[in-house]
Amino acid sequence: MSNCGSGDDCLEACKRLFGYLDGELTAEQAAEFEAHLARCGRCADAHAAERKLLAAIKSSEAGSTDLDLRRRILAALRATPPRSE
């Protein structure tokens, strides 16, 4: 999650991102993560990009070629709005 801000809250959010996406956080941790995303656009943008990337990977068919998978991932990344700094 390289798009995170540099504050302590952002660093903690970065550490929790994949646990959140994988449903591994406690309800309290997930609520804290979501609250951070609601107030931090940079982390919210990074979360959206990672979520789209995982969705593209998960939706790929088992028989697809590496080139096909790469094209789908790149398309998902291009569809992500640019972050504002």
PDB file of N, CA and C in Angstrom:
ATOM      1  N   MET A   1       0.858  -1.177   0.000  1.00  0.00           N
ATOM      2  CA  MET A   1       0.000   0.000   0.000  1.00  0.00           C
ATOM      3  C   MET A   1       0.891   1.222   0.000  1.00  0.00           C
ATOM      4  N   SER A   2       1.514   1.471  -1.105  1.00  0.00           N
ATOM      5  CA  SER A   2       2.491   2.536  -1.198  1.00  0.00           C
ATOM      6  C   SER A   2       1.874   3.923  -1.248  1.00  0.00           C
ATOM      7  N   ASN A   3       0.573   4.034  -1.474  1.00  0.00           N
ATOM      8  CA  ASN A   3      -0.069   5.335  -1.565  1.00  0.00           C
ATOM      9  C   ASN A   3      -0.488   5.897  -0.210  1.00  0.00           C
ATOM     10  N   CYS A   4      -0.194   5.203   0.863  1.00  0.00           N
ATOM     11  CA  CYS A   4      -0.605   5.656   2.189  1.00  0.00           C
ATOM     12  C   CYS A   4       0.055   6.968   2.546  1.00  0.00           C
ATOM     13  N   GLY A   5      -0.601   7.681   3.437  1.00  0.00           N
ATOM     14  CA  GLY A   5      -0.002   8.874   4.007  1.00  0.00           C
ATOM     15  C   GLY A   5       1.104   8.467   4.968  1.00  0.00           C
ATOM     16  N   SER A   6       1.689   9.432   5.628  1.00  0.00           N
ATOM     17  CA  SER A   6       2.832   9.122   6.473  1.00  0.00           C
ATOM     18  C   SER A   6       2.528   9.189   7.961  1.00  0.00           C
ATOM     19  N   GLY A   7       1.316   9.539   8.352  1.00  0.00           N
ATOM     20  CA  GLY A   7       0.978   9.618   9.763  1.00  0.00           C
ATOM     21  C   GLY A   7       0.894   8.248  10.405  1.00  0.00           C
ATOM     22  N   ASP A   8       0.901   8.230  11.745  1.00  0.00           N
ATOM     23  CA  ASP A   8       0.817   6.962  12.461  1.00  0.00           C
ATOM     24  C   ASP A   8      -0.452   6.190  12.107  1.00  0.00           C
ATOM     25  N   ASP A   9      -1.578   6.896  11.960  1.00  0.00           N
ATOM     26  CA  ASP A   9      -2.827   6.227  11.582  1.00  0.00           C
ATOM     27  C   ASP A   9      -2.688   5.558  10.216  1.00  0.00           C
ATOM     28  N   CYS A  10      -2.015   6.238   9.304  1.00  0.00           N
ATOM     29  CA  CYS A  10      -1.831   5.684   7.962  1.00  0.00           C
ATOM     30  C   CYS A  10      -0.918   4.455   7.996  1.00  0.00           C
ATOM     31  N   LEU A  11       0.121   4.524   8.791  1.00  0.00           N
ATOM     32  CA  LEU A  11       1.022   3.378   8.886  1.00  0.00           C
ATOM     33  C   LEU A  11       0.287   2.163   9.452  1.00  0.00           C
ATOM     34  N   GLU A  12      -0.563   2.383  10.436  1.00  0.00           N
ATOM     35  CA  GLU A  12      -1.347   1.286  11.005  1.00  0.00           C
ATOM     36  C   GLU A  12      -2.333   0.744   9.961  1.00  0.00           C
ATOM     37  N   ALA A  13      -2.946   1.645   9.195  1.00  0.00           N
ATOM     38  CA  ALA A  13      -3.868   1.212   8.145  1.00  0.00           C
ATOM     39  C   ALA A  13      -3.137   0.366   7.107  1.00  0.00           C
ATOM     40  N   CYS A  14      -1.926   0.762   6.758  1.00  0.00           N
ATOM     41  CA  CYS A  14      -1.128  -0.003   5.798  1.00  0.00           C
ATOM     42  C   CYS A  14      -0.886  -1.419   6.304  1.00  0.00           C
ATOM     43  N   LYS A  15      -0.612  -1.540   7.588  1.00  0.00           N
ATOM     44  CA  LYS A  15      -0.354  -2.851   8.166  1.00  0.00           C
ATOM     45  C   LYS A  15      -1.599  -3.730   8.160  1.00  0.00           C
ATOM     46  N   ARG A  16      -2.758  -3.118   8.213  1.00  0.00           N
ATOM     47  CA  ARG A  16      -4.008  -3.876   8.321  1.00  0.00           C
ATOM     48  C   ARG A  16      -4.707  -4.111   6.982  1.00  0.00           C
ATOM     49  N   LEU A  17      -4.226  -3.511   5.929  1.00  0.00           N
ATOM     50  CA  LEU A  17      -4.934  -3.560   4.644  1.00  0.00           C
ATOM     51  C   LEU A  17      -5.246  -4.981   4.196  1.00  0.00           C
ATOM     52  N   PHE A  18      -4.249  -5.841   4.116  1.00  0.00           N
ATOM     53  CA  PHE A  18      -4.495  -7.169   3.564  1.00  0.00           C
ATOM     54  C   PHE A  18      -5.289  -8.045   4.515  1.00  0.00           C
ATOM     55  N   GLY A  19      -5.108  -7.852   5.806  1.00  0.00           N
ATOM     56  CA  GLY A  19      -5.957  -8.542   6.772  1.00  0.00           C
ATOM     57  C   GLY A  19      -7.408  -8.144   6.610  1.00  0.00           C
ATOM     58  N   TYR A  20      -7.628  -6.871   6.325  1.00  0.00           N
ATOM     59  CA  TYR A  20      -8.992  -6.384   6.092  1.00  0.00           C
ATOM     60  C   TYR A  20      -9.573  -7.002   4.819  1.00  0.00           C
ATOM     61  N   LEU A  21      -8.804  -6.947   3.745  1.00  0.00           N
ATOM     62  CA  LEU A  21      -9.284  -7.489   2.468  1.00  0.00           C
ATOM     63  C   LEU A  21      -9.551  -8.992   2.544  1.00  0.00           C
ATOM     64  N   ASP A  22      -8.798  -9.682   3.387  1.00  0.00           N
ATOM     65  CA  ASP A  22      -8.968 -11.123   3.536  1.00  0.00           C
ATOM     66  C   ASP A  22      -9.965 -11.497   4.622  1.00  0.00           C
ATOM     67  N   GLY A  23     -10.563 -10.496   5.281  1.00  0.00           N
ATOM     68  CA  GLY A  23     -11.551 -10.759   6.317  1.00  0.00           C
ATOM     69  C   GLY A  23     -10.955 -11.330   7.591  1.00  0.00           C
ATOM     70  N   GLU A  24      -9.710 -11.007   7.862  1.00  0.00           N
ATOM     71  CA  GLU A  24      -9.011 -11.576   9.005  1.00  0.00           C
ATOM     72  C   GLU A  24      -8.996 -10.674  10.239  1.00  0.00           C
ATOM     73  N   LEU A  25      -9.509  -9.451  10.122  1.00  0.00           N
ATOM     74  CA  LEU A  25      -9.503  -8.534  11.261  1.00  0.00           C
ATOM     75  C   LEU A  25     -10.695  -8.805  12.171  1.00  0.00           C
ATOM     76  N   THR A  26     -10.536  -8.439  13.431  1.00  0.00           N
ATOM     77  CA  THR A  26     -11.679  -8.499  14.343  1.00  0.00           C
ATOM     78  C   THR A  26     -12.663  -7.415  13.914  1.00  0.00           C
ATOM     79  N   ALA A  27     -13.870  -7.486  14.417  1.00  0.00           N
ATOM     80  CA  ALA A  27     -14.874  -6.474  14.089  1.00  0.00           C
ATOM     81  C   ALA A  27     -14.388  -5.082  14.496  1.00  0.00           C
ATOM     82  N   GLU A  28     -13.742  -5.000  15.650  1.00  0.00           N
ATOM     83  CA  GLU A  28     -13.234  -3.706  16.127  1.00  0.00           C
ATOM     84  C   GLU A  28     -12.127  -3.178  15.215  1.00  0.00           C
ATOM     85  N   GLN A  29     -11.198  -4.042  14.836  1.00  0.00           N
ATOM     86  CA  GLN A  29     -10.112  -3.638  13.947  1.00  0.00           C
ATOM     87  C   GLN A  29     -10.660  -3.202  12.585  1.00  0.00           C
ATOM     88  N   ALA A  30     -11.626  -3.943  12.064  1.00  0.00           N
ATOM     89  CA  ALA A  30     -12.221  -3.595  10.769  1.00  0.00           C
ATOM     90  C   ALA A  30     -12.922  -2.247  10.852  1.00  0.00           C
ATOM     91  N   ALA A  31     -13.629  -1.984  11.951  1.00  0.00           N
ATOM     92  CA  ALA A  31     -14.318  -0.707  12.123  1.00  0.00           C
ATOM     93  C   ALA A  31     -13.314   0.440  12.194  1.00  0.00           C
ATOM     94  N   GLU A  32     -12.210   0.236  12.884  1.00  0.00           N
ATOM     95  CA  GLU A  32     -11.169   1.261  12.960  1.00  0.00           C
ATOM     96  C   GLU A  32     -10.564   1.516  11.577  1.00  0.00           C
ATOM     97  N   PHE A  33     -10.325   0.449  10.839  1.00  0.00           N
ATOM     98  CA  PHE A  33      -9.771   0.578   9.487  1.00  0.00           C
ATOM     99  C   PHE A  33     -10.735   1.355   8.589  1.00  0.00           C
ATOM    100  N   GLU A  34     -12.003   1.009   8.635  1.00  0.00           N
ATOM    101  CA  GLU A  34     -13.014   1.692   7.818  1.00  0.00           C
ATOM    102  C   GLU A  34     -13.139   3.156   8.211  1.00  0.00           C
ATOM    103  N   ALA A  35     -13.053   3.447   9.501  1.00  0.00           N
ATOM    104  CA  ALA A  35     -13.118   4.841   9.954  1.00  0.00           C
ATOM    105  C   ALA A  35     -11.932   5.625   9.416  1.00  0.00           C
ATOM    106  N   HIS A  36     -10.772   4.997   9.390  1.00  0.00           N
ATOM    107  CA  HIS A  36      -9.590   5.672   8.839  1.00  0.00           C
ATOM    108  C   HIS A  36      -9.792   5.955   7.348  1.00  0.00           C
ATOM    109  N   LEU A  37     -10.292   4.974   6.616  1.00  0.00           N
ATOM    110  CA  LEU A  37     -10.518   5.176   5.181  1.00  0.00           C
ATOM    111  C   LEU A  37     -11.509   6.309   4.925  1.00  0.00           C
ATOM    112  N   ALA A  38     -12.496   6.453   5.802  1.00  0.00           N
ATOM    113  CA  ALA A  38     -13.509   7.494   5.638  1.00  0.00           C
ATOM    114  C   ALA A  38     -12.915   8.899   5.775  1.00  0.00           C
ATOM    115  N   ARG A  39     -11.816   9.011   6.500  1.00  0.00           N
ATOM    116  CA  ARG A  39     -11.236  10.339   6.697  1.00  0.00           C
ATOM    117  C   ARG A  39      -9.906  10.550   5.967  1.00  0.00           C
ATOM    118  N   CYS A  40      -9.385   9.511   5.315  1.00  0.00           N
ATOM    119  CA  CYS A  40      -8.089   9.629   4.642  1.00  0.00           C
ATOM    120  C   CYS A  40      -8.223   9.208   3.179  1.00  0.00           C
ATOM    121  N   GLY A  41      -8.276  10.182   2.307  1.00  0.00           N
ATOM    122  CA  GLY A  41      -8.434   9.908   0.882  1.00  0.00           C
ATOM    123  C   GLY A  41      -7.292   9.113   0.276  1.00  0.00           C
ATOM    124  N   ARG A  42      -6.077   9.367   0.716  1.00  0.00           N
ATOM    125  CA  ARG A  42      -4.929   8.645   0.155  1.00  0.00           C
ATOM    126  C   ARG A  42      -5.016   7.160   0.477  1.00  0.00           C
ATOM    127  N   CYS A  43      -5.347   6.850   1.725  1.00  0.00           N
ATOM    128  CA  CYS A  43      -5.463   5.436   2.101  1.00  0.00           C
ATOM    129  C   CYS A  43      -6.687   4.799   1.437  1.00  0.00           C
ATOM    130  N   ALA A  44      -7.763   5.563   1.311  1.00  0.00           N
ATOM    131  CA  ALA A  44      -8.956   5.040   0.644  1.00  0.00           C
ATOM    132  C   ALA A  44      -8.655   4.718  -0.821  1.00  0.00           C
ATOM    133  N   ASP A  45      -7.891   5.583  -1.480  1.00  0.00           N
ATOM    134  CA  ASP A  45      -7.504   5.327  -2.868  1.00  0.00           C
ATOM    135  C   ASP A  45      -6.618   4.089  -2.975  1.00  0.00           C
ATOM    136  N   ALA A  46      -5.677   3.953  -2.045  1.00  0.00           N
ATOM    137  CA  ALA A  46      -4.791   2.794  -2.052  1.00  0.00           C
ATOM    138  C   ALA A  46      -5.591   1.515  -1.804  1.00  0.00           C
ATOM    139  N   HIS A  47      -6.539   1.581  -0.885  1.00  0.00           N
ATOM    140  CA  HIS A  47      -7.399   0.432  -0.595  1.00  0.00           C
ATOM    141  C   HIS A  47      -8.199   0.045  -1.833  1.00  0.00           C
ATOM    142  N   ALA A  48      -8.753   1.032  -2.516  1.00  0.00           N
ATOM    143  CA  ALA A  48      -9.551   0.758  -3.721  1.00  0.00           C
ATOM    144  C   ALA A  48      -8.695   0.094  -4.804  1.00  0.00           C
ATOM    145  N   ALA A  49      -7.474   0.564  -4.968  1.00  0.00           N
ATOM    146  CA  ALA A  49      -6.589  -0.016  -5.982  1.00  0.00           C
ATOM    147  C   ALA A  49      -6.241  -1.465  -5.642  1.00  0.00           C
ATOM    148  N   GLU A  50      -5.930  -1.725  -4.388  1.00  0.00           N
ATOM    149  CA  GLU A  50      -5.607  -3.096  -3.983  1.00  0.00           C
ATOM    150  C   GLU A  50      -6.818  -4.010  -4.114  1.00  0.00           C
ATOM    151  N   ARG A  51      -7.986  -3.491  -3.760  1.00  0.00           N
ATOM    152  CA  ARG A  51      -9.222  -4.282  -3.871  1.00  0.00           C
ATOM    153  C   ARG A  51      -9.497  -4.634  -5.332  1.00  0.00           C
ATOM    154  N   LYS A  52      -9.302  -3.672  -6.237  1.00  0.00           N
ATOM    155  CA  LYS A  52      -9.513  -3.935  -7.665  1.00  0.00           C
ATOM    156  C   LYS A  52      -8.499  -4.945  -8.194  1.00  0.00           C
ATOM    157  N   LEU A  53      -7.274  -4.832  -7.742  1.00  0.00           N
ATOM    158  CA  LEU A  53      -6.257  -5.778  -8.180  1.00  0.00           C
ATOM    159  C   LEU A  53      -6.606  -7.188  -7.726  1.00  0.00           C
ATOM    160  N   LEU A  54      -6.992  -7.338  -6.470  1.00  0.00           N
ATOM    161  CA  LEU A  54      -7.373  -8.666  -5.972  1.00  0.00           C
ATOM    162  C   LEU A  54      -8.597  -9.199  -6.714  1.00  0.00           C
ATOM    163  N   ALA A  55      -9.552  -8.327  -7.001  1.00  0.00           N
ATOM    164  CA  ALA A  55     -10.745  -8.762  -7.732  1.00  0.00           C
ATOM    165  C   ALA A  55     -10.370  -9.243  -9.128  1.00  0.00           C
ATOM    166  N   ALA A  56      -9.456  -8.541  -9.777  1.00  0.00           N
ATOM    167  CA  ALA A  56      -9.021  -8.949 -11.118  1.00  0.00           C
ATOM    168  C   ALA A  56      -8.325 -10.298 -11.075  1.00  0.00           C
ATOM    169  N   ILE A  57      -7.512 -10.497 -10.066  1.00  0.00           N
ATOM    170  CA  ILE A  57      -6.805 -11.776  -9.935  1.00  0.00           C
ATOM    171  C   ILE A  57      -7.793 -12.905  -9.649  1.00  0.00           C
ATOM    172  N   LYS A  58      -8.720 -12.666  -8.712  1.00  0.00           N
ATOM    173  CA  LYS A  58      -9.691 -13.694  -8.338  1.00  0.00           C
ATOM    174  C   LYS A  58     -10.636 -14.036  -9.483  1.00  0.00           C
ATOM    175  N   SER A  59     -10.939 -13.060 -10.327  1.00  0.00           N
ATOM    176  CA  SER A  59     -11.895 -13.311 -11.397  1.00  0.00           C
ATOM    177  C   SER A  59     -11.266 -13.968 -12.622  1.00  0.00           C
ATOM    178  N   SER A  60      -9.951 -14.077 -12.622  1.00  0.00           N
ATOM    179  CA  SER A  60      -9.298 -14.687 -13.779  1.00  0.00           C
ATOM    180  C   SER A  60      -9.659 -16.170 -13.849  1.00  0.00           C
ATOM    181  N   GLU A  61      -9.804 -16.636 -15.021  1.00  0.00           N
ATOM    182  CA  GLU A  61     -10.154 -18.044 -15.225  1.00  0.00           C
ATOM    183  C   GLU A  61      -8.897 -18.893 -15.122  1.00  0.00           C
ATOM    184  N   ALA A  62      -9.050 -20.108 -14.646  1.00  0.00           N
ATOM    185  CA  ALA A  62      -7.909 -21.000 -14.443  1.00  0.00           C
ATOM    186  C   ALA A  62      -7.149 -21.252 -15.745  1.00  0.00           C
ATOM    187  N   GLY A  63      -7.843 -21.266 -16.861  1.00  0.00           N
ATOM    188  CA  GLY A  63      -7.197 -21.566 -18.134  1.00  0.00           C
ATOM    189  C   GLY A  63      -6.667 -20.344 -18.861  1.00  0.00           C
ATOM    190  N   SER A  64      -6.777 -19.163 -18.280  1.00  0.00           N
ATOM    191  CA  SER A  64      -6.330 -17.973 -18.992  1.00  0.00           C
ATOM    192  C   SER A  64      -4.809 -17.934 -19.067  1.00  0.00           C
ATOM    193  N   THR A  65      -4.330 -17.308 -20.102  1.00  0.00           N
ATOM    194  CA  THR A  65      -2.890 -17.200 -20.267  1.00  0.00           C
ATOM    195  C   THR A  65      -2.344 -16.094 -19.372  1.00  0.00           C
ATOM    196  N   ASP A  66      -1.054 -16.131 -19.135  1.00  0.00           N
ATOM    197  CA  ASP A  66      -0.424 -15.077 -18.341  1.00  0.00           C
ATOM    198  C   ASP A  66      -0.637 -13.713 -18.975  1.00  0.00           C
ATOM    199  N   LEU A  67      -0.592 -13.637 -20.275  1.00  0.00           N
ATOM    200  CA  LEU A  67      -0.779 -12.371 -20.974  1.00  0.00           C
ATOM    201  C   LEU A  67      -2.202 -11.854 -20.760  1.00  0.00           C
ATOM    202  N   ASP A  68      -3.184 -12.737 -20.838  1.00  0.00           N
ATOM    203  CA  ASP A  68      -4.565 -12.348 -20.604  1.00  0.00           C
ATOM    204  C   ASP A  68      -4.745 -11.817 -19.184  1.00  0.00           C
ATOM    205  N   LEU A  69      -4.192 -12.497 -18.213  1.00  0.00           N
ATOM    206  CA  LEU A  69      -4.279 -12.057 -16.823  1.00  0.00           C
ATOM    207  C   LEU A  69      -3.619 -10.697 -16.655  1.00  0.00           C
ATOM    208  N   ARG A  70      -2.478 -10.532 -17.243  1.00  0.00           N
ATOM    209  CA  ARG A  70      -1.777  -9.245 -17.143  1.00  0.00           C
ATOM    210  C   ARG A  70      -2.627  -8.121 -17.730  1.00  0.00           C
ATOM    211  N   ARG A  71      -3.243  -8.347 -18.858  1.00  0.00           N
ATOM    212  CA  ARG A  71      -4.091  -7.319 -19.480  1.00  0.00           C
ATOM    213  C   ARG A  71      -5.269  -6.951 -18.578  1.00  0.00           C
ATOM    214  N   ARG A  72      -5.873  -7.952 -17.951  1.00  0.00           N
ATOM    215  CA  ARG A  72      -7.017  -7.690 -17.074  1.00  0.00           C
ATOM    216  C   ARG A  72      -6.598  -6.911 -15.830  1.00  0.00           C
ATOM    217  N   ILE A  73      -5.457  -7.255 -15.281  1.00  0.00           N
ATOM    218  CA  ILE A  73      -4.960  -6.529 -14.102  1.00  0.00           C
ATOM    219  C   ILE A  73      -4.645  -5.083 -14.469  1.00  0.00           C
ATOM    220  N   LEU A  74      -3.967  -4.881 -15.579  1.00  0.00           N
ATOM    221  CA  LEU A  74      -3.646  -3.526 -16.010  1.00  0.00           C
ATOM    222  C   LEU A  74      -4.914  -2.712 -16.288  1.00  0.00           C
ATOM    223  N   ALA A  75      -5.916  -3.338 -16.869  1.00  0.00           N
ATOM    224  CA  ALA A  75      -7.178  -2.639 -17.126  1.00  0.00           C
ATOM    225  C   ALA A  75      -7.841  -2.213 -15.815  1.00  0.00           C
ATOM    226  N   ALA A  76      -7.808  -3.085 -14.816  1.00  0.00           N
ATOM    227  CA  ALA A  76      -8.383  -2.743 -13.511  1.00  0.00           C
ATOM    228  C   ALA A  76      -7.623  -1.596 -12.872  1.00  0.00           C
ATOM    229  N   LEU A  77      -6.316  -1.605 -12.988  1.00  0.00           N
ATOM    230  CA  LEU A  77      -5.515  -0.527 -12.415  1.00  0.00           C
ATOM    231  C   LEU A  77      -5.761   0.794 -13.136  1.00  0.00           C
ATOM    232  N   ARG A  78      -5.897   0.738 -14.436  1.00  0.00           N
ATOM    233  CA  ARG A  78      -6.165   1.966 -15.200  1.00  0.00           C
ATOM    234  C   ARG A  78      -7.530   2.550 -14.866  1.00  0.00           C
ATOM    235  N   ALA A  79      -8.456   1.706 -14.489  1.00  0.00           N
ATOM    236  CA  ALA A  79      -9.810   2.171 -14.151  1.00  0.00           C
ATOM    237  C   ALA A  79      -9.862   2.842 -12.782  1.00  0.00           C
ATOM    238  N   THR A  80      -8.808   2.707 -11.999  1.00  0.00           N
ATOM    239  CA  THR A  80      -8.755   3.322 -10.673  1.00  0.00           C
ATOM    240  C   THR A  80      -8.462   4.803 -10.844  1.00  0.00           C
ATOM    241  N   PRO A  81      -9.302   5.683 -10.239  1.00  0.00           N
ATOM    242  CA  PRO A  81      -9.047   7.119 -10.383  1.00  0.00           C
ATOM    243  C   PRO A  81      -7.727   7.502  -9.739  1.00  0.00           C
ATOM    244  N   PRO A  82      -7.041   8.483 -10.308  1.00  0.00           N
ATOM    245  CA  PRO A  82      -5.773   8.900  -9.726  1.00  0.00           C
ATOM    246  C   PRO A  82      -5.979   9.502  -8.342  1.00  0.00           C
ATOM    247  N   ARG A  83      -5.000   9.317  -7.493  1.00  0.00           N
ATOM    248  CA  ARG A  83      -5.100   9.848  -6.144  1.00  0.00           C
ATOM    249  C   ARG A  83      -4.780  11.339  -6.146  1.00  0.00           C
ATOM    250  N   SER A  84      -5.381  12.049  -5.233  1.00  0.00           N
ATOM    251  CA  SER A  84      -5.079  13.469  -5.091  1.00  0.00           C
ATOM    252  C   SER A  84      -4.103  13.629  -3.938  1.00  0.00           C
ATOM    253  N   GLU A  85      -3.108  14.458  -4.166  1.00  0.00           N
ATOM    254  CA  GLU A  85      -2.077  14.645  -3.121  1.00  0.00           C
ATOM    255  C   GLU A  85      -2.188  15.996  -2.514  1.00  0.00           C
TER     256      GLU A  85
END
